[in-house]
Amino acid sequence: MALRAVVAVIVLVCLFSATAQAEPQADKNKTVYPGIRHITTEESVNEVEALLRQALHKRGLTLFTVIDHAQGAVDAGLELPPTRTVIFGNPKVGTPMMRCQGSVALDLPQKMVIRMVDDVTRIEWNDPAYLVERHGLQGCNLSPDKVARLVSELAREAAGEER
């Protein structure tokens, strides 16, 4: 009886190991998640942040803050590749969204994450169409396509594509 239990455990361990090895290991830095858009650039994180600040200023958008996650990691005695979250928006656009469905405040103001992945800088943001779906904003009189175009333009400018 004990021998059967040992054999069963060995078989299970072998099966688990074979399954784990057969599944490709996803690179979480490169995986695409629902509702998240991204582009990459050869520009540095510092340069991308500077270009994004310029693009926001040019359009009269409010820059609320920039969170330097890598510095936070250093302060905690940890390491993290350069990673920043830029928080920005326009209350004339965000307020009607929040009046329609208050939960959208969880995702507003708009954010862009700028981070180093391997040897490139990745710029990521929430897809406005996803926010409409996530928060049930379909019945609201909003322009998510217009917001999506604007945020994509900001990302391209920050990546140095529209100089």
N, C-alpha and C. Protein backbone atom coordinates (compact mmCIF):
# COMPACT_ATOMS: atom_id res chain seq x y z
N MET A 1 0.83 -1.19 0.00
CA MET A 1 0.00 0.00 0.00
C MET A 1 0.87 1.25 0.00
N ALA A 2 1.91 1.25 0.87
CA ALA A 2 2.79 2.40 0.95
C ALA A 2 3.56 2.57 -0.36
N LEU A 3 3.92 1.47 -0.98
CA LEU A 3 4.63 1.52 -2.26
C LEU A 3 3.74 2.15 -3.33
N ARG A 4 2.45 1.82 -3.34
CA ARG A 4 1.54 2.42 -4.31
C ARG A 4 1.44 3.94 -4.11
N ALA A 5 1.40 4.36 -2.88
CA ALA A 5 1.32 5.79 -2.59
C ALA A 5 2.58 6.51 -3.08
N VAL A 6 3.73 5.91 -2.85
CA VAL A 6 4.99 6.50 -3.30
C VAL A 6 5.02 6.57 -4.82
N VAL A 7 4.61 5.48 -5.48
CA VAL A 7 4.58 5.45 -6.94
C VAL A 7 3.61 6.51 -7.47
N ALA A 8 2.47 6.65 -6.85
CA ALA A 8 1.48 7.66 -7.26
C ALA A 8 2.05 9.06 -7.14
N VAL A 9 2.73 9.33 -6.06
CA VAL A 9 3.35 10.65 -5.87
C VAL A 9 4.40 10.90 -6.94
N ILE A 10 5.22 9.90 -7.21
CA ILE A 10 6.27 10.05 -8.23
C ILE A 10 5.64 10.32 -9.59
N VAL A 11 4.59 9.58 -9.93
CA VAL A 11 3.91 9.78 -11.21
C VAL A 11 3.35 11.20 -11.30
N LEU A 12 2.70 11.64 -10.23
CA LEU A 12 2.15 13.01 -10.22
C LEU A 12 3.23 14.06 -10.36
N VAL A 13 4.33 13.88 -9.67
CA VAL A 13 5.44 14.83 -9.77
C VAL A 13 5.98 14.86 -11.19
N CYS A 14 6.14 13.69 -11.79
CA CYS A 14 6.63 13.64 -13.18
C CYS A 14 5.66 14.31 -14.14
N LEU A 15 4.37 14.02 -13.97
CA LEU A 15 3.36 14.66 -14.83
C LEU A 15 3.37 16.17 -14.67
N PHE A 16 3.43 16.63 -13.42
CA PHE A 16 3.44 18.07 -13.16
C PHE A 16 4.67 18.71 -13.78
N SER A 17 5.84 18.06 -13.62
CA SER A 17 7.07 18.60 -14.18
C SER A 17 7.00 18.66 -15.69
N ALA A 18 6.47 17.61 -16.31
CA ALA A 18 6.37 17.58 -17.78
C ALA A 18 5.41 18.66 -18.26
N THR A 19 4.29 18.85 -17.57
CA THR A 19 3.33 19.89 -17.94
C THR A 19 3.94 21.27 -17.79
N ALA A 20 4.64 21.48 -16.69
CA ALA A 20 5.24 22.79 -16.45
C ALA A 20 6.30 23.09 -17.51
N GLN A 21 7.05 22.08 -17.92
CA GLN A 21 8.09 22.29 -18.91
C GLN A 21 7.50 22.47 -20.30
N ALA A 22 6.36 21.84 -20.57
CA ALA A 22 5.75 21.92 -21.89
C ALA A 22 5.10 23.28 -22.14
N GLU A 23 4.67 23.95 -21.08
CA GLU A 23 4.03 25.25 -21.25
C GLU A 23 5.10 26.32 -21.40
N PRO A 24 4.98 27.16 -22.42
CA PRO A 24 5.97 28.22 -22.58
C PRO A 24 5.86 29.22 -21.44
N GLN A 25 6.99 29.69 -21.00
CA GLN A 25 7.02 30.68 -19.93
C GLN A 25 6.81 32.06 -20.53
N ALA A 26 5.74 32.72 -20.14
CA ALA A 26 5.42 34.05 -20.67
C ALA A 26 6.35 35.09 -20.06
N ASP A 27 6.78 36.00 -20.86
CA ASP A 27 7.55 37.14 -20.38
C ASP A 27 6.53 38.21 -20.00
N LYS A 28 6.34 38.39 -18.71
CA LYS A 28 5.29 39.30 -18.24
C LYS A 28 5.53 40.74 -18.68
N ASN A 29 6.76 41.07 -19.03
CA ASN A 29 7.03 42.42 -19.51
C ASN A 29 6.56 42.63 -20.94
N LYS A 30 6.35 41.55 -21.69
CA LYS A 30 5.98 41.68 -23.09
C LYS A 30 4.55 41.22 -23.37
N THR A 31 3.91 40.64 -22.38
CA THR A 31 2.56 40.12 -22.56
C THR A 31 1.59 41.28 -22.75
N VAL A 32 0.60 41.06 -23.59
CA VAL A 32 -0.44 42.05 -23.81
C VAL A 32 -1.64 41.64 -22.97
N TYR A 33 -2.12 42.54 -22.15
CA TYR A 33 -3.27 42.29 -21.30
C TYR A 33 -4.47 43.05 -21.83
N PRO A 34 -5.68 42.52 -21.59
CA PRO A 34 -6.89 43.18 -22.10
C PRO A 34 -6.99 44.62 -21.57
N GLY A 35 -7.31 45.53 -22.46
CA GLY A 35 -7.53 46.91 -22.07
C GLY A 35 -6.28 47.75 -21.93
N ILE A 36 -5.12 47.15 -22.16
CA ILE A 36 -3.87 47.90 -22.05
C ILE A 36 -3.25 48.03 -23.42
N ARG A 37 -3.02 49.25 -23.85
CA ARG A 37 -2.34 49.53 -25.13
C ARG A 37 -0.88 49.84 -24.82
N HIS A 38 -0.03 49.65 -25.81
CA HIS A 38 1.38 49.98 -25.60
C HIS A 38 2.10 50.20 -26.93
N ILE A 39 3.20 50.93 -26.82
CA ILE A 39 4.18 51.04 -27.90
C ILE A 39 5.55 51.00 -27.25
N THR A 40 6.57 50.75 -28.04
CA THR A 40 7.94 50.76 -27.53
C THR A 40 8.76 51.76 -28.34
N THR A 41 9.86 52.17 -27.73
CA THR A 41 10.75 53.13 -28.36
C THR A 41 12.18 52.89 -27.88
N GLU A 42 13.12 53.36 -28.66
CA GLU A 42 14.53 53.29 -28.28
C GLU A 42 14.91 54.43 -27.35
N GLU A 43 14.04 55.43 -27.23
CA GLU A 43 14.32 56.57 -26.35
C GLU A 43 14.42 56.11 -24.90
N SER A 44 15.16 56.84 -24.08
CA SER A 44 15.29 56.50 -22.66
C SER A 44 14.00 56.84 -21.91
N VAL A 45 13.84 56.29 -20.74
CA VAL A 45 12.69 56.61 -19.89
C VAL A 45 12.67 58.11 -19.61
N ASN A 46 13.82 58.70 -19.32
CA ASN A 46 13.89 60.15 -19.06
C ASN A 46 13.43 60.95 -20.27
N GLU A 47 13.88 60.57 -21.46
CA GLU A 47 13.51 61.29 -22.68
C GLU A 47 12.02 61.14 -22.97
N VAL A 48 11.50 59.94 -22.78
CA VAL A 48 10.07 59.72 -23.01
C VAL A 48 9.24 60.56 -22.05
N GLU A 49 9.63 60.60 -20.80
CA GLU A 49 8.90 61.43 -19.84
C GLU A 49 8.94 62.91 -20.26
N ALA A 50 10.11 63.38 -20.65
CA ALA A 50 10.24 64.79 -21.07
C ALA A 50 9.36 65.07 -22.29
N LEU A 51 9.37 64.17 -23.27
CA LEU A 51 8.54 64.36 -24.46
C LEU A 51 7.06 64.30 -24.14
N LEU A 52 6.68 63.42 -23.22
CA LEU A 52 5.27 63.34 -22.81
C LEU A 52 4.85 64.62 -22.10
N ARG A 53 5.70 65.14 -21.24
CA ARG A 53 5.40 66.42 -20.56
C ARG A 53 5.16 67.52 -21.60
N GLN A 54 6.01 67.57 -22.62
CA GLN A 54 5.85 68.59 -23.68
C GLN A 54 4.53 68.41 -24.42
N ALA A 55 4.19 67.17 -24.75
CA ALA A 55 2.95 66.89 -25.48
C ALA A 55 1.72 67.26 -24.64
N LEU A 56 1.78 66.99 -23.35
CA LEU A 56 0.67 67.36 -22.46
C LEU A 56 0.52 68.87 -22.40
N HIS A 57 1.64 69.56 -22.22
CA HIS A 57 1.63 71.02 -22.13
C HIS A 57 1.08 71.64 -23.42
N LYS A 58 1.54 71.12 -24.55
CA LYS A 58 1.12 71.64 -25.86
C LYS A 58 -0.40 71.56 -26.02
N ARG A 59 -1.02 70.55 -25.43
CA ARG A 59 -2.47 70.35 -25.56
C ARG A 59 -3.27 70.95 -24.41
N GLY A 60 -2.58 71.56 -23.46
CA GLY A 60 -3.28 72.17 -22.33
C GLY A 60 -3.83 71.16 -21.34
N LEU A 61 -3.27 69.95 -21.33
CA LEU A 61 -3.71 68.93 -20.38
C LEU A 61 -3.00 69.13 -19.05
N THR A 62 -3.65 68.74 -17.99
CA THR A 62 -3.09 68.89 -16.65
C THR A 62 -2.22 67.70 -16.30
N LEU A 63 -0.98 67.97 -15.92
CA LEU A 63 -0.09 66.95 -15.39
C LEU A 63 -0.25 66.97 -13.88
N PHE A 64 -0.85 65.93 -13.32
CA PHE A 64 -1.10 65.90 -11.89
C PHE A 64 0.14 65.49 -11.11
N THR A 65 0.81 64.44 -11.56
CA THR A 65 2.03 64.00 -10.88
C THR A 65 2.73 62.93 -11.70
N VAL A 66 3.98 62.66 -11.33
CA VAL A 66 4.75 61.55 -11.89
C VAL A 66 5.25 60.74 -10.70
N ILE A 67 4.96 59.45 -10.72
CA ILE A 67 5.41 58.55 -9.66
C ILE A 67 6.62 57.78 -10.19
N ASP A 68 7.73 57.89 -9.47
CA ASP A 68 8.96 57.17 -9.84
C ASP A 68 9.02 55.89 -9.01
N HIS A 69 8.54 54.80 -9.58
CA HIS A 69 8.48 53.53 -8.87
C HIS A 69 9.88 52.98 -8.58
N ALA A 70 10.82 53.21 -9.47
CA ALA A 70 12.19 52.72 -9.26
C ALA A 70 12.81 53.39 -8.04
N GLN A 71 12.56 54.68 -7.88
CA GLN A 71 13.07 55.38 -6.69
C GLN A 71 12.40 54.86 -5.44
N GLY A 72 11.11 54.57 -5.53
CA GLY A 72 10.41 53.97 -4.40
C GLY A 72 11.01 52.64 -4.00
N ALA A 73 11.39 51.86 -5.01
CA ALA A 73 12.03 50.57 -4.74
C ALA A 73 13.37 50.78 -4.04
N VAL A 74 14.17 51.73 -4.54
CA VAL A 74 15.47 52.03 -3.92
C VAL A 74 15.26 52.45 -2.46
N ASP A 75 14.28 53.30 -2.22
CA ASP A 75 14.00 53.76 -0.85
C ASP A 75 13.62 52.61 0.07
N ALA A 76 13.06 51.53 -0.51
CA ALA A 76 12.68 50.35 0.27
C ALA A 76 13.78 49.29 0.29
N GLY A 77 14.95 49.61 -0.28
CA GLY A 77 16.05 48.67 -0.32
C GLY A 77 15.90 47.59 -1.38
N LEU A 78 15.12 47.90 -2.43
CA LEU A 78 14.86 46.94 -3.51
C LEU A 78 15.32 47.52 -4.84
N GLU A 79 15.25 46.71 -5.87
CA GLU A 79 15.62 47.16 -7.20
C GLU A 79 14.44 47.01 -8.15
N LEU A 80 14.33 47.93 -9.09
CA LEU A 80 13.32 47.88 -10.14
C LEU A 80 13.87 48.67 -11.31
N PRO A 81 13.72 48.15 -12.53
CA PRO A 81 14.16 48.94 -13.69
C PRO A 81 13.41 50.27 -13.71
N PRO A 82 13.94 51.26 -14.41
CA PRO A 82 13.26 52.55 -14.48
C PRO A 82 11.78 52.36 -14.85
N THR A 83 10.91 52.83 -13.98
CA THR A 83 9.47 52.68 -14.16
C THR A 83 8.78 53.91 -13.56
N ARG A 84 8.02 54.61 -14.39
CA ARG A 84 7.30 55.81 -13.93
C ARG A 84 5.86 55.75 -14.37
N THR A 85 4.99 56.30 -13.54
CA THR A 85 3.59 56.47 -13.91
C THR A 85 3.33 57.96 -13.99
N VAL A 86 2.90 58.41 -15.16
CA VAL A 86 2.56 59.81 -15.40
C VAL A 86 1.04 59.91 -15.32
N ILE A 87 0.54 60.76 -14.42
CA ILE A 87 -0.90 60.90 -14.22
C ILE A 87 -1.32 62.27 -14.74
N PHE A 88 -2.27 62.26 -15.67
CA PHE A 88 -2.66 63.50 -16.35
C PHE A 88 -4.12 63.44 -16.76
N GLY A 89 -4.65 64.56 -17.17
CA GLY A 89 -6.03 64.54 -17.66
C GLY A 89 -6.58 65.91 -17.96
N ASN A 90 -7.88 65.90 -18.22
CA ASN A 90 -8.63 67.11 -18.50
C ASN A 90 -9.97 66.96 -17.78
N PRO A 91 -10.20 67.73 -16.71
CA PRO A 91 -11.45 67.61 -15.96
C PRO A 91 -12.70 67.79 -16.83
N LYS A 92 -12.59 68.52 -17.94
CA LYS A 92 -13.75 68.70 -18.82
C LYS A 92 -14.13 67.40 -19.51
N VAL A 93 -13.19 66.46 -19.61
CA VAL A 93 -13.47 65.16 -20.20
C VAL A 93 -13.78 64.13 -19.11
N GLY A 94 -12.98 64.11 -18.06
CA GLY A 94 -13.14 63.11 -17.01
C GLY A 94 -14.38 63.30 -16.15
N THR A 95 -14.73 64.55 -15.89
CA THR A 95 -15.88 64.81 -15.02
C THR A 95 -17.19 64.23 -15.58
N PRO A 96 -17.51 64.44 -16.87
CA PRO A 96 -18.73 63.83 -17.40
C PRO A 96 -18.72 62.29 -17.31
N MET A 97 -17.54 61.70 -17.46
CA MET A 97 -17.45 60.25 -17.33
C MET A 97 -17.79 59.83 -15.90
N MET A 98 -17.24 60.56 -14.92
CA MET A 98 -17.50 60.22 -13.52
C MET A 98 -18.93 60.52 -13.11
N ARG A 99 -19.53 61.56 -13.71
CA ARG A 99 -20.93 61.85 -13.42
C ARG A 99 -21.83 60.75 -13.94
N CYS A 100 -21.46 60.16 -15.05
CA CYS A 100 -22.23 59.06 -15.64
C CYS A 100 -22.08 57.79 -14.81
N GLN A 101 -20.86 57.49 -14.39
CA GLN A 101 -20.60 56.28 -13.60
C GLN A 101 -19.40 56.56 -12.70
N GLY A 102 -19.66 56.74 -11.43
CA GLY A 102 -18.62 57.13 -10.47
C GLY A 102 -17.46 56.18 -10.36
N SER A 103 -17.67 54.90 -10.66
CA SER A 103 -16.57 53.94 -10.51
C SER A 103 -15.42 54.21 -11.48
N VAL A 104 -15.66 54.97 -12.54
CA VAL A 104 -14.58 55.26 -13.49
C VAL A 104 -13.47 56.09 -12.82
N ALA A 105 -13.79 56.69 -11.66
CA ALA A 105 -12.76 57.42 -10.91
C ALA A 105 -11.63 56.50 -10.47
N LEU A 106 -11.89 55.20 -10.43
CA LEU A 106 -10.80 54.25 -10.15
C LEU A 106 -9.71 54.32 -11.21
N ASP A 107 -10.08 54.65 -12.44
CA ASP A 107 -9.15 54.65 -13.57
C ASP A 107 -8.81 56.04 -14.08
N LEU A 108 -9.38 57.06 -13.48
CA LEU A 108 -9.09 58.43 -13.89
C LEU A 108 -8.42 59.15 -12.73
N PRO A 109 -7.60 60.13 -12.98
CA PRO A 109 -7.17 60.62 -14.28
C PRO A 109 -6.43 59.53 -15.09
N GLN A 110 -6.27 59.84 -16.36
CA GLN A 110 -5.55 58.95 -17.28
C GLN A 110 -4.12 58.77 -16.80
N LYS A 111 -3.57 57.61 -17.07
CA LYS A 111 -2.18 57.32 -16.68
C LYS A 111 -1.43 56.72 -17.86
N MET A 112 -0.14 56.99 -17.89
CA MET A 112 0.77 56.29 -18.79
C MET A 112 1.92 55.78 -17.95
N VAL A 113 2.24 54.51 -18.16
CA VAL A 113 3.40 53.92 -17.51
C VAL A 113 4.53 53.93 -18.53
N ILE A 114 5.67 54.40 -18.08
CA ILE A 114 6.88 54.43 -18.91
C ILE A 114 7.90 53.56 -18.18
N ARG A 115 8.33 52.48 -18.83
CA ARG A 115 9.24 51.58 -18.14
C ARG A 115 10.24 50.94 -19.10
N MET A 116 11.37 50.61 -18.55
CA MET A 116 12.42 49.95 -19.31
C MET A 116 12.15 48.45 -19.30
N VAL A 117 12.08 47.86 -20.49
CA VAL A 117 11.90 46.43 -20.66
C VAL A 117 12.99 45.96 -21.61
N ASP A 118 13.85 45.11 -21.11
CA ASP A 118 15.02 44.69 -21.88
C ASP A 118 15.79 45.94 -22.30
N ASP A 119 15.93 46.18 -23.60
CA ASP A 119 16.71 47.34 -24.04
C ASP A 119 15.84 48.42 -24.67
N VAL A 120 14.55 48.38 -24.43
CA VAL A 120 13.64 49.39 -24.98
C VAL A 120 12.78 49.97 -23.88
N THR A 121 12.21 51.12 -24.19
CA THR A 121 11.27 51.74 -23.27
C THR A 121 9.86 51.43 -23.75
N ARG A 122 9.04 50.96 -22.85
CA ARG A 122 7.66 50.60 -23.16
C ARG A 122 6.75 51.65 -22.54
N ILE A 123 5.80 52.13 -23.34
CA ILE A 123 4.81 53.11 -22.90
C ILE A 123 3.46 52.40 -22.91
N GLU A 124 2.77 52.40 -21.77
CA GLU A 124 1.51 51.68 -21.64
C GLU A 124 0.42 52.60 -21.11
N TRP A 125 -0.83 52.34 -21.55
CA TRP A 125 -1.96 53.12 -21.07
C TRP A 125 -3.24 52.30 -21.19
N ASN A 126 -4.26 52.72 -20.43
CA ASN A 126 -5.57 52.08 -20.52
C ASN A 126 -6.26 52.50 -21.81
N ASP A 127 -6.82 51.53 -22.51
CA ASP A 127 -7.61 51.80 -23.70
C ASP A 127 -8.95 52.39 -23.26
N PRO A 128 -9.29 53.61 -23.69
CA PRO A 128 -10.57 54.21 -23.29
C PRO A 128 -11.79 53.34 -23.61
N ALA A 129 -11.74 52.58 -24.69
CA ALA A 129 -12.86 51.68 -25.01
C ALA A 129 -13.02 50.61 -23.93
N TYR A 130 -11.92 50.16 -23.39
CA TYR A 130 -11.96 49.19 -22.31
C TYR A 130 -12.59 49.80 -21.06
N LEU A 131 -12.27 51.07 -20.80
CA LEU A 131 -12.86 51.73 -19.63
C LEU A 131 -14.37 51.87 -19.79
N VAL A 132 -14.81 52.14 -21.02
CA VAL A 132 -16.26 52.23 -21.29
C VAL A 132 -16.91 50.89 -20.94
N GLU A 133 -16.29 49.81 -21.38
CA GLU A 133 -16.83 48.48 -21.11
C GLU A 133 -16.74 48.15 -19.62
N ARG A 134 -15.59 48.38 -19.04
CA ARG A 134 -15.35 48.04 -17.63
C ARG A 134 -16.33 48.72 -16.69
N HIS A 135 -16.65 49.98 -16.99
CA HIS A 135 -17.48 50.77 -16.08
C HIS A 135 -18.91 50.95 -16.59
N GLY A 136 -19.28 50.29 -17.67
CA GLY A 136 -20.65 50.37 -18.16
C GLY A 136 -21.04 51.76 -18.62
N LEU A 137 -20.16 52.40 -19.37
CA LEU A 137 -20.40 53.77 -19.84
C LEU A 137 -21.06 53.82 -21.22
N GLN A 138 -21.53 52.70 -21.73
CA GLN A 138 -22.07 52.65 -23.08
C GLN A 138 -23.25 53.61 -23.27
N GLY A 139 -24.08 53.80 -22.25
CA GLY A 139 -25.26 54.66 -22.38
C GLY A 139 -24.97 56.13 -22.18
N CYS A 140 -23.73 56.46 -21.90
CA CYS A 140 -23.36 57.86 -21.66
C CYS A 140 -23.06 58.55 -22.99
N ASN A 141 -23.21 59.82 -23.02
CA ASN A 141 -22.92 60.61 -24.21
C ASN A 141 -21.44 61.03 -24.16
N LEU A 142 -20.55 60.07 -24.48
CA LEU A 142 -19.11 60.29 -24.38
C LEU A 142 -18.45 60.05 -25.73
N SER A 143 -17.19 60.43 -25.83
CA SER A 143 -16.42 60.24 -27.06
C SER A 143 -15.16 59.42 -26.79
N PRO A 144 -15.29 58.12 -26.49
CA PRO A 144 -14.09 57.35 -26.19
C PRO A 144 -13.14 57.24 -27.38
N ASP A 145 -13.67 57.28 -28.60
CA ASP A 145 -12.78 57.21 -29.78
C ASP A 145 -11.89 58.43 -29.86
N LYS A 146 -12.44 59.57 -29.54
CA LYS A 146 -11.66 60.82 -29.55
C LYS A 146 -10.57 60.77 -28.48
N VAL A 147 -10.93 60.28 -27.30
CA VAL A 147 -9.95 60.16 -26.22
C VAL A 147 -8.88 59.15 -26.62
N ALA A 148 -9.28 58.04 -27.23
CA ALA A 148 -8.32 57.01 -27.65
C ALA A 148 -7.32 57.58 -28.65
N ARG A 149 -7.81 58.36 -29.61
CA ARG A 149 -6.90 58.98 -30.60
C ARG A 149 -5.92 59.92 -29.90
N LEU A 150 -6.43 60.73 -28.98
CA LEU A 150 -5.57 61.68 -28.27
C LEU A 150 -4.49 60.96 -27.48
N VAL A 151 -4.87 59.94 -26.72
CA VAL A 151 -3.90 59.23 -25.90
C VAL A 151 -2.87 58.52 -26.77
N SER A 152 -3.30 57.95 -27.88
CA SER A 152 -2.36 57.32 -28.82
C SER A 152 -1.39 58.34 -29.39
N GLU A 153 -1.89 59.52 -29.74
CA GLU A 153 -1.02 60.59 -30.24
C GLU A 153 0.00 60.99 -29.18
N LEU A 154 -0.45 61.12 -27.94
CA LEU A 154 0.47 61.47 -26.85
C LEU A 154 1.58 60.42 -26.73
N ALA A 155 1.19 59.16 -26.80
CA ALA A 155 2.19 58.09 -26.68
C ALA A 155 3.19 58.14 -27.84
N ARG A 156 2.70 58.35 -29.05
CA ARG A 156 3.60 58.42 -30.21
C ARG A 156 4.55 59.61 -30.08
N GLU A 157 4.03 60.73 -29.63
CA GLU A 157 4.91 61.89 -29.42
C GLU A 157 5.94 61.60 -28.33
N ALA A 158 5.51 60.97 -27.25
CA ALA A 158 6.42 60.64 -26.17
C ALA A 158 7.49 59.66 -26.63
N ALA A 159 7.14 58.81 -27.58
CA ALA A 159 8.09 57.84 -28.13
C ALA A 159 9.05 58.47 -29.13
N GLY A 160 8.81 59.73 -29.45
CA GLY A 160 9.68 60.41 -30.39
C GLY A 160 9.31 60.18 -31.83
N GLU A 161 8.13 59.64 -32.09
CA GLU A 161 7.71 59.32 -33.46
C GLU A 161 7.19 60.53 -34.22
N GLU A 162 6.81 61.58 -33.53
CA GLU A 162 6.18 62.73 -34.20
C GLU A 162 6.96 64.01 -33.93
N ARG A 163 8.24 63.96 -34.20
CA ARG A 163 9.08 65.16 -33.99
C ARG A 163 9.14 65.94 -35.25
